[in-house]
C-alpha atoms as a PDB file:
ATOM      1  CA  MET A   1      39.717  32.264  37.447  1.00  0.00           C
ATOM      2  CA  ALA A   2      37.299  30.711  35.026  1.00  0.00           C
ATOM      3  CA  ASP A   3      36.244  26.984  35.799  1.00  0.00           C
ATOM      4  CA  ASP A   4      37.574  24.586  33.429  1.00  0.00           C
ATOM      5  CA  SER A   5      33.886  23.303  32.745  1.00  0.00           C
ATOM      6  CA  GLU A   6      32.987  26.425  30.988  1.00  0.00           C
ATOM      7  CA  PHE A   7      35.459  25.437  28.188  1.00  0.00           C
ATOM      8  CA  GLN A   8      34.379  21.716  28.090  1.00  0.00           C
ATOM      9  CA  ILE A   9      33.856  20.539  24.587  1.00  0.00           C
ATOM     10  CA  THR A  10      30.892  18.197  24.367  1.00  0.00           C
ATOM     11  CA  CYS A  11      29.923  15.708  21.723  1.00  0.00           C
ATOM     12  CA  ARG A  12      27.345  16.968  19.150  1.00  0.00           C
ATOM     13  CA  ILE A  13      25.450  13.696  19.249  1.00  0.00           C
ATOM     14  CA  CYS A  14      25.414  12.454  23.004  1.00  0.00           C
ATOM     15  CA  ASN A  15      26.253  15.847  24.438  1.00  0.00           C
ATOM     16  CA  LYS A  16      28.748  14.311  26.814  1.00  0.00           C
ATOM     17  CA  PRO A  17      32.248  15.473  27.321  1.00  0.00           C
ATOM     18  CA  LEU A  18      35.002  14.981  24.896  1.00  0.00           C
ATOM     19  CA  LYS A  19      38.547  14.350  25.598  1.00  0.00           C
ATOM     20  CA  LEU A  20      40.587  15.455  22.698  1.00  0.00           C
ATOM     21  CA  GLY A  21      42.769  12.917  21.100  1.00  0.00           C
ATOM     22  CA  ILE A  22      40.587  10.115  22.803  1.00  0.00           C
ATOM     23  CA  ASP A  23      37.604   8.406  20.720  1.00  0.00           C
ATOM     24  CA  THR A  24      37.070  11.824  18.944  1.00  0.00           C
ATOM     25  CA  ALA A  25      36.061  12.599  15.423  1.00  0.00           C
ATOM     26  CA  ALA A  26      34.410  15.245  13.330  1.00  0.00           C
ATOM     27  CA  ASP A  27      31.176  14.833  11.644  1.00  0.00           C
ATOM     28  CA  GLU A  28      29.859  16.236   8.049  1.00  0.00           C
ATOM     29  CA  ASP A  29      29.795  19.773   9.497  1.00  0.00           C
ATOM     30  CA  GLY A  30      33.186  19.540  11.164  1.00  0.00           C
ATOM     31  CA  LYS A  31      31.870  19.520  14.396  1.00  0.00           C
ATOM     32  CA  ALA A  32      33.474  17.424  17.324  1.00  0.00           C
ATOM     33  CA  VAL A  33      31.680  14.125  18.098  1.00  0.00           C
ATOM     34  CA  HIS A  34      32.745  10.816  19.799  1.00  0.00           C
ATOM     35  CA  GLU A  35      33.977   8.403  17.219  1.00  0.00           C
ATOM     36  CA  THR A  36      31.910   5.600  18.571  1.00  0.00           C
ATOM     37  CA  CYS A  37      28.784   7.961  18.659  1.00  0.00           C
ATOM     38  CA  TYR A  38      29.417   8.903  14.927  1.00  0.00           C
ATOM     39  CA  THR A  39      29.914   5.220  13.886  1.00  0.00           C
ATOM     40  CA  ARG A  40      26.668   3.924  15.596  1.00  0.00           C
ATOM     41  CA  ARG A  41      24.968   6.926  13.773  1.00  0.00           C
ATOM     42  CA  LEU A  42      26.282   6.149  10.469  1.00  0.00           C
ATOM     43  CA  LYS A  43      25.046   2.512  10.972  1.00  0.00           C
ATOM     44  CA  GLY A  44      21.800   3.658  11.888  1.00  0.00           C
ATOM     45  CA  GLU A  45      21.535   5.686   8.775  1.00  0.00           C
ATOM     46  CA  VAL A  46      22.691   2.891   6.636  1.00  0.00           C
ATOM     47  CA  VAL A  47      19.875   0.396   7.943  1.00  0.00           C
ATOM     48  CA  GLU A  48      17.234   3.013   7.588  1.00  0.00           C
ATOM     49  CA  ASP A  49      18.453   3.874   3.987  1.00  0.00           C
ATOM     50  CA  HIS A  50      18.595   0.397   3.041  1.00  0.00           C
ATOM     51  CA  GLN A  51      14.999  -0.445   4.264  1.00  0.00           C
ATOM     52  CA  GLU A  52      13.741   2.702   2.388  1.00  0.00           C
ATOM     53  CA  TRP A  53      15.875   1.742  -0.748  1.00  0.00           C
ATOM     54  CA  LEU A  54      14.074  -1.717  -0.679  1.00  0.00           C
ATOM     55  CA  GLU A  55      10.578  -0.336  -0.394  1.00  0.00           C
ATOM     56  CA  LEU A  56      11.142   2.208  -3.006  1.00  0.00           C
ATOM     57  CA  CYS A  57      12.493  -0.262  -5.551  1.00  0.00           C
ATOM     58  CA  GLN A  58       9.541  -2.451  -4.791  1.00  0.00           C
ATOM     59  CA  GLN A  59       7.183   0.352  -5.560  1.00  0.00           C
ATOM     60  CA  ALA A  60       9.175   1.179  -8.613  1.00  0.00           C
ATOM     61  CA  SER A  61       8.903  -2.310  -9.977  1.00  0.00           C
ATOM     62  CA  VAL A  62       5.138  -2.127 -10.262  1.00  0.00           C
ATOM     63  CA  GLU A  63       4.574   1.717 -10.829  1.00  0.00           C
ATOM     64  CA  GLN A  64       2.632   2.388 -14.086  1.00  0.00           C
ATOM     65  CA  ASP A  65       2.575   6.078 -13.898  1.00  0.00           C
ATOM     66  CA  SER A  66       5.710   7.539 -15.331  1.00  0.00           C
ATOM     67  CA  GLU A  67       5.747  10.748 -13.265  1.00  0.00           C
ATOM     68  CA  LYS A  68       5.468   8.808 -10.098  1.00  0.00           C
ATOM     69  CA  LEU A  69       8.007   6.468 -11.195  1.00  0.00           C
ATOM     70  CA  LEU A  70      10.485   9.302 -11.859  1.00  0.00           C
ATOM     71  CA  GLN A  71       9.816  10.458  -8.402  1.00  0.00           C
ATOM     72  CA  LEU A  72      10.711   7.201  -7.124  1.00  0.00           C
ATOM     73  CA  VAL A  73      13.917   6.948  -9.228  1.00  0.00           C
ATOM     74  CA  ARG A  74      14.920  10.455  -7.867  1.00  0.00           C
ATOM     75  CA  ARG A  75      14.575   9.298  -4.165  1.00  0.00           C
ATOM     76  CA  ILE A  76      16.689   5.930  -4.907  1.00  0.00           C
ATOM     77  CA  ASN A  77      19.212   8.141  -6.624  1.00  0.00           C
ATOM     78  CA  GLU A  78      19.407  10.401  -3.539  1.00  0.00           C
ATOM     79  CA  LEU A  79      19.957   7.405  -1.391  1.00  0.00           C
ATOM     80  CA  LEU A  80      22.657   5.898  -3.662  1.00  0.00           C
ATOM     81  CA  GLU A  81      24.518   9.354  -3.476  1.00  0.00           C
ATOM     82  CA  ALA A  82      23.971   9.402   0.431  1.00  0.00           C
ATOM     83  CA  LYS A  83      25.771   6.064   0.270  1.00  0.00           C
ATOM     84  CA  ASP A  84      28.530   7.400  -2.045  1.00  0.00           C
ATOM     85  CA  LYS A  85      29.154  10.264   0.363  1.00  0.00           C
ATOM     86  CA  ARG A  86      29.517   7.927   3.219  1.00  0.00           C
ATOM     87  CA  LEU A  87      32.068   5.639   1.306  1.00  0.00           C
ATOM     88  CA  GLN A  88      33.770   7.972  -1.180  1.00  0.00           C
ATOM     89  CA  PRO A  89      33.506  11.364  -0.049  1.00  0.00           C
ATOM     90  CA  SER A  90      35.893  12.503  -2.727  1.00  0.00           C
ATOM     91  CA  SER A  91      34.091  11.323  -5.794  1.00  0.00           C
ATOM     92  CA  VAL A  92      30.427  11.566  -5.165  1.00  0.00           C
ATOM     93  CA  LYS A  93      29.280  11.835  -8.726  1.00  0.00           C
ATOM     94  CA  PRO A  94      31.563  10.119 -11.239  1.00  0.00           C
ATOM     95  CA  VAL A  95      31.285  11.998 -14.802  1.00  0.00           C
ATOM     96  CA  CYS A  96      31.695  10.196 -17.957  1.00  0.00           C
ATOM     97  CA  LYS A  97      34.065  12.591 -19.879  1.00  0.00           C
ATOM     98  CA  GLY A  98      34.370  10.382 -22.905  1.00  0.00           C
ATOM     99  CA  ASN A  99      32.262   8.272 -24.751  1.00  0.00           C
ATOM    100  CA  GLY A 100      28.714   7.515 -23.590  1.00  0.00           C
ATOM    101  CA  ILE A 101      26.687   4.620 -22.382  1.00  0.00           C
ATOM    102  CA  PHE A 102      24.077   2.867 -24.660  1.00  0.00           C
ATOM    103  CA  GLN A 103      21.338   0.722 -23.051  1.00  0.00           C
ATOM    104  CA  ILE A 104      19.271  -1.848 -24.704  1.00  0.00           C
ATOM    105  CA  ALA A 105      16.104  -2.269 -22.615  1.00  0.00           C
ATOM    106  CA  TYR A 106      12.979  -4.486 -23.128  1.00  0.00           C
ATOM    107  CA  ASP A 107      10.636  -2.825 -20.692  1.00  0.00           C
ATOM    108  CA  GLU A 108       9.808   0.699 -21.346  1.00  0.00           C
ATOM    109  CA  MET A 109       9.632   1.510 -17.356  1.00  0.00           C
ATOM    110  CA  LEU A 110      13.046  -0.101 -16.900  1.00  0.00           C
ATOM    111  CA  LEU A 111      14.469   2.151 -19.743  1.00  0.00           C
ATOM    112  CA  ILE A 112      13.227   5.178 -18.127  1.00  0.00           C
ATOM    113  CA  THR A 113      14.263   4.064 -14.871  1.00  0.00           C
ATOM    114  CA  ARG A 114      18.001   3.179 -15.683  1.00  0.00           C
ATOM    115  CA  ALA A 115      18.268   6.302 -17.942  1.00  0.00           C
ATOM    116  CA  ALA A 116      17.127   8.610 -15.198  1.00  0.00           C
ATOM    117  CA  LEU A 117      19.539   6.960 -12.657  1.00  0.00           C
ATOM    118  CA  LEU A 118      22.505   7.393 -15.233  1.00  0.00           C
ATOM    119  CA  LYS A 119      21.700  10.987 -15.957  1.00  0.00           C
ATOM    120  CA  ASP A 120      21.271  11.985 -12.427  1.00  0.00           C
ATOM    121  CA  ARG A 121      25.006  10.747 -11.911  1.00  0.00           C
ATOM    122  CA  GLY A 122      26.415  12.782 -14.639  1.00  0.00           C
ATOM    123  CA  TYR A 123      26.666  10.021 -17.395  1.00  0.00           C
ATOM    124  CA  GLU A 124      25.748  10.638 -21.016  1.00  0.00           C
ATOM    125  CA  ILE A 125      23.051   8.099 -21.870  1.00  0.00           C
ATOM    126  CA  ASN A 126      21.340   6.703 -24.993  1.00  0.00           C
ATOM    127  CA  SER A 127      18.631   4.101 -24.819  1.00  0.00           C
ATOM    128  CA  ALA A 128      16.576   1.976 -27.411  1.00  0.00           C
ATOM    129  CA  LEU A 129      13.721  -0.310 -26.597  1.00  0.00           C
ATOM    130  CA  GLY A 130      14.387  -3.904 -28.181  1.00  0.00           C
ATOM    131  CA  ASN A 131      16.820  -5.132 -30.474  1.00  0.00           C
ATOM    132  CA  ASN A 132      15.528  -3.959 -33.809  1.00  0.00           C
ATOM    133  CA  ALA A 133      15.536  -0.335 -32.351  1.00  0.00           C
ATOM    134  CA  ALA A 134      18.876  -0.555 -30.842  1.00  0.00           C
ATOM    135  CA  GLN A 135      20.287  -1.862 -34.425  1.00  0.00           C
ATOM    136  CA  HIS A 136      18.563   1.176 -36.134  1.00  0.00           C
ATOM    137  CA  VAL A 137      19.915   3.652 -33.786  1.00  0.00           C
ATOM    138  CA  LEU A 138      23.457   2.159 -33.767  1.00  0.00           C
ATOM    139  CA  ALA A 139      23.747   1.639 -37.526  1.00  0.00           C
ATOM    140  CA  ASN A 140      25.869   4.826 -37.884  1.00  0.00           C
ATOM    141  CA  HIS A 141      28.401   3.041 -35.675  1.00  0.00           C
ATOM    142  CA  GLY A 142      28.880   6.038 -33.024  1.00  0.00           C
ATOM    143  CA  SER A 143      31.446   5.609 -30.302  1.00  0.00           C
ATOM    144  CA  TYR A 144      30.499   4.123 -26.789  1.00  0.00           C
ATOM    145  CA  ARG A 145      32.173   3.220 -23.752  1.00  0.00           C
ATOM    146  CA  LEU A 146      29.656   0.736 -22.467  1.00  0.00           C
ATOM    147  CA  PHE A 147      26.566  -1.244 -23.567  1.00  0.00           C
ATOM    148  CA  ILE A 148      23.930  -2.405 -21.059  1.00  0.00           C
ATOM    149  CA  VAL A 149      21.824  -5.113 -22.158  1.00  0.00           C
ATOM    150  CA  GLY A 150      18.614  -5.453 -20.020  1.00  0.00           C
ATOM    151  CA  HIS A 151      17.100  -8.761 -18.304  1.00  0.00           C
ATOM    152  CA  ALA A 152      13.538  -8.531 -19.453  1.00  0.00           C
ATOM    153  CA  ALA A 153      13.610 -10.758 -22.638  1.00  0.00           C
ATOM    154  CA  PRO A 154      14.187 -14.186 -23.504  1.00  0.00           C
ATOM    155  CA  ARG A 155      17.784 -15.413 -23.435  1.00  0.00           C
ATOM    156  CA  GLU A 156      18.035 -15.865 -27.172  1.00  0.00           C
ATOM    157  CA  THR A 157      16.834 -12.360 -27.910  1.00  0.00           C
ATOM    158  CA  ARG A 158      19.587 -11.041 -25.464  1.00  0.00           C
ATOM    159  CA  GLU A 159      22.314 -13.369 -26.886  1.00  0.00           C
ATOM    160  CA  GLU A 160      21.607 -12.141 -30.347  1.00  0.00           C
ATOM    161  CA  ILE A 161      21.968  -8.517 -29.757  1.00  0.00           C
ATOM    162  CA  ILE A 162      25.166  -9.170 -27.739  1.00  0.00           C
ATOM    163  CA  ARG A 163      26.662 -11.135 -30.813  1.00  0.00           C
ATOM    164  CA  TRP A 164      25.803  -8.090 -33.154  1.00  0.00           C
ATOM    165  CA  LEU A 165      27.367  -5.625 -30.660  1.00  0.00           C
ATOM    166  CA  LYS A 166      30.465  -7.702 -30.589  1.00  0.00           C
ATOM    167  CA  MET A 167      30.730  -7.890 -34.244  1.00  0.00           C
ATOM    168  CA  ASN A 168      30.040  -4.184 -34.795  1.00  0.00           C
ATOM    169  CA  PHE A 169      31.739  -2.706 -31.645  1.00  0.00           C
ATOM    170  CA  PRO A 170      34.430  -5.130 -30.953  1.00  0.00           C
ATOM    171  CA  HIS A 171      36.158  -2.692 -28.602  1.00  0.00           C
ATOM    172  CA  THR A 172      33.152  -1.590 -26.417  1.00  0.00           C
ATOM    173  CA  ARG A 173      32.550  -3.706 -23.338  1.00  0.00           C
ATOM    174  CA  ILE A 174      28.973  -5.099 -22.656  1.00  0.00           C
ATOM    175  CA  LEU A 175      27.188  -5.575 -19.289  1.00  0.00           C
ATOM    176  CA  ALA A 176      24.478  -8.052 -19.098  1.00  0.00           C
ATOM    177  CA  LEU A 177      21.891  -7.602 -16.460  1.00  0.00           C
ATOM    178  CA  ASN A 178      20.533 -11.201 -15.666  1.00  0.00           C
ATOM    179  CA  PRO A 179      17.345 -12.439 -14.032  1.00  0.00           C
ATOM    180  CA  PRO A 180      17.761 -14.838 -11.022  1.00  0.00           C
ATOM    181  CA  HIS A 181      18.688 -18.475 -11.870  1.00  0.00           C
ATOM    182  CA  GLN A 182      19.902 -17.689 -15.228  1.00  0.00           C
ATOM    183  CA  GLU A 183      23.271 -18.719 -16.384  1.00  0.00           C
ATOM    184  CA  ASN A 184      25.557 -15.994 -17.689  1.00  0.00           C
ATOM    185  CA  LEU A 185      25.874 -14.684 -21.073  1.00  0.00           C
ATOM    186  CA  ALA A 186      29.091 -16.005 -22.348  1.00  0.00           C
ATOM    187  CA  GLU A 187      29.750 -13.152 -24.794  1.00  0.00           C
ATOM    188  CA  ALA A 188      29.303 -10.315 -22.427  1.00  0.00           C
ATOM    189  CA  ASP A 189      32.055  -8.711 -20.514  1.00  0.00           C
ATOM    190  CA  PHE A 190      30.181  -8.492 -17.421  1.00  0.00           C
ATOM    191  CA  ASN A 191      27.345 -10.429 -16.057  1.00  0.00           C
ATOM    192  CA  LEU A 192      25.338  -9.250 -13.077  1.00  0.00           C
ATOM    193  CA  VAL A 193      22.235 -10.689 -11.483  1.00  0.00           C
ATOM    194  CA  LEU A 194      19.762  -8.056 -10.800  1.00  0.00           C
ATOM    195  CA  ASN A 195      19.340  -6.994  -7.194  1.00  0.00           C
ATOM    196  CA  GLY A 196      18.767  -3.322  -7.387  1.00  0.00           C
ATOM    197  CA  PRO A 197      20.729  -0.637  -9.149  1.00  0.00           C
ATOM    198  CA  GLU A 198      23.903  -0.672  -6.776  1.00  0.00           C
ATOM    199  CA  GLY A 199      25.619  -3.455  -8.445  1.00  0.00           C
ATOM    200  CA  TRP A 200      25.413  -2.435 -12.009  1.00  0.00           C
ATOM    201  CA  LEU A 201      25.960   1.352 -11.024  1.00  0.00           C
ATOM    202  CA  SER A 202      29.350   0.159  -9.522  1.00  0.00           C
ATOM    203  CA  ILE A 203      30.294  -1.675 -12.692  1.00  0.00           C
ATOM    204  CA  VAL A 204      29.510   1.540 -14.880  1.00  0.00           C
ATOM    205  CA  ALA A 205      31.562   3.769 -12.624  1.00  0.00           C
ATOM    206  CA  ASN A 206      34.559   1.498 -12.821  1.00  0.00           C
ATOM    207  CA  VAL A 207      34.198   1.089 -16.772  1.00  0.00           C
ATOM    208  CA  ALA A 208      33.295   4.761 -17.578  1.00  0.00           C
ATOM    209  CA  ARG A 209      35.788   6.724 -15.145  1.00  0.00           C
END
């Protein structure tokens, strides 16, 4: 008669025996694990990813080489997608099926960074550097689901473009990305103090879904 130990199922993480129905779960590959082991591992991954994300964002904020910047952006996006998989496994990459997103940026590197993040996540994105360029591009009154107004300009400059957008695109929502310690822009539909891309990407996902 075979020993029961030959058929013992063990946790893939700690290699200790599993008692089915008690503290059991399945990992990403469908392998049996202790739920407590899996939770601890996920927490460890979150801490490591967050630390790497902070370091990458710091590097991206000062990187002047466009190729190196795009590499940093791609890695940042990989970390964001990994977080999506942990939190929302059924919708990893929301895709904008309707009208696209238009961003008005005031820094070329930030324009590239945001556009790359949005494109990598499946959104249709158009961009302009500064108010005059934005008004020129938008003169034909195309249809957009969301406008994003960057933070790297004086408050008056940003308020000016928001007023223009409200006048010419009254039904399109506007997200204002604000520097720390600056009051919200009253006419924007959403105001967000910049602290990495997660916050504004979350707003985009809610508006553009």
